[in-house]
Amino acid sequence: MKKITVLLFAMLLMMAGSAVKVNAQLKHSRQTQYPSYHGLIMAGYQGWFRAAGDGSSAKRFAYGDESRSGIDMWPDVSEYAKTYPTPFKLANGDTARFFSSCDKSTVELHFKWMQEYGVDGVFMQRFFGNAKHRDSASTVILKNAFEAASKYKRAIAVMYDLSGLNASGEDCSAIIEDWKYLVDQLKVTNQSGQKTYLQEHGKPVVAIWGIGFPDRPYNLRNIGLERLIDFLKNDPVYGNCAIMLGVPTAWRTLNADCLPDPYLHTIIKQADILLPWTVQRYSPLLHNDMDRYRDNLTADLAWCRANHLEYVPCVYPGFSWHNLSRYEFLDDVKPVASIPRQGGRFYWQQITTALNAGASMLYVAMFDEVNEATAIFKATDQPPVSSTTPFINLDGRPSDHYLWLTGEAAKMLRNEKPLSIKMPERK
């Protein structure tokens, strides 16, 4: 009996030693101010805006001009340290100005707003082309964001967007190499100063967005998704990550906006967190559409619980891409404000519907997306005046209205304030 006990003790010591060795090899910090997504409202952060004179090598600029513009709402630039003149004019005849994401001061201001209004943090969009070519501008923006997140104590995580991956035999290998680069060179999971990388169950969250959408040129089965997930979860140096997948709204039923391929469920069951994309899928112009949103949420949550997955609903303030559609979809130009904000009422309806359905975390699309007019950061109610390029306004609301609403929602999510079905108003 004594020999058996000694043998068992020796085996336990060997197993413990192996576990310590594996953990020692991992390059992620085990410390973070954000050990769980639960109780948080995170937003998506594009950071892709450029301006003439900002030092970037972009051939086209974010704001465009009278004949070709890709944005539908205009930022409130009154607090930016640096702004740039544009071809557009304000109602008083002054030149309308725009910011650049390339400026460190721009990124710092955005994270300062997050802290001021109680937005918990953001997922930094890392598009496939950025991961593949690792262009300097997007990498500098990412670096600045991680520094700002640490400074202002905001949660931050990387979201790989598969947009840009084509059908010419490409796979997700570039993302594997890019993640190594981000961990080694930018220290994204081990920031200097305050550690704020978002974790779930002690694991850094890495999001992969764009899986299961039928308008993508790549074949879901042929891009190495299982290899990518296995690397992020099991690699002894760069793995031990929690995987969040961005999928279509109808991922569960495999119809409507989703590929009718059951392989999608195979991939989903290998993940940790699921994010269905709902932008444009619900509208305040459709009678009782929030009932449909509620019913889908309830069924989605039940499926995820049964399959041991976390679930994060997507909410958004409104949508417009009239200007972009003028040259992207020449035969199908979209109306201005096709999904109206209604002064925040539509946004608040989604938030309260999700919380009442049992959601414990939210994803906001998006923080700074003015192209499709989904931004919640400070925008102006008095955009440039143009005969050819219309911009939405804020229905008379102040520029920080959606930041404030998001902060109020975060308090209600964490039960710091009672949930109010009626949209709150500032006193």
Foldseek 3Di string as FASTA:
>chain_A
DVVVVVVVVVVVVVVVVVVVVLVVQALFDLDAPAAAQFLAEAFADELQAADPPPPDPDPAGQQHELVAHLFFFFFDCPPAPDWAFDNFAFPVGHTDIHDHLLDLSVLLVLLVLCLVQVHQYYAYEQEPVCLQVVDPSSVSSVLSNLVSCLVSVHEYAYAYEDPPDAAPQAACVSVVVSLVCCCPPSVSSNDPHHGRQHHYPSAGEYEYEDAFFPVGRYDNVRRCLVVVLCCQDPPSYNHVHAYEYEAALCLPVQDDRGHVDCVSVVSVLSGAEYEHDCVVVAAPVDPPSLVVVLVSLLVVVVVCVVSNHHYAYEAFQFWAQQSNCVPVPVPDRDDGRNRPNVLVLRRLSNLLSNVVSPHRHYYYHHCDRRSTDRHQAFTAQRDTDHPRRHHHGNNPDGRNSSSNQSSVSSCCSNPVDPDDSDRDDDD
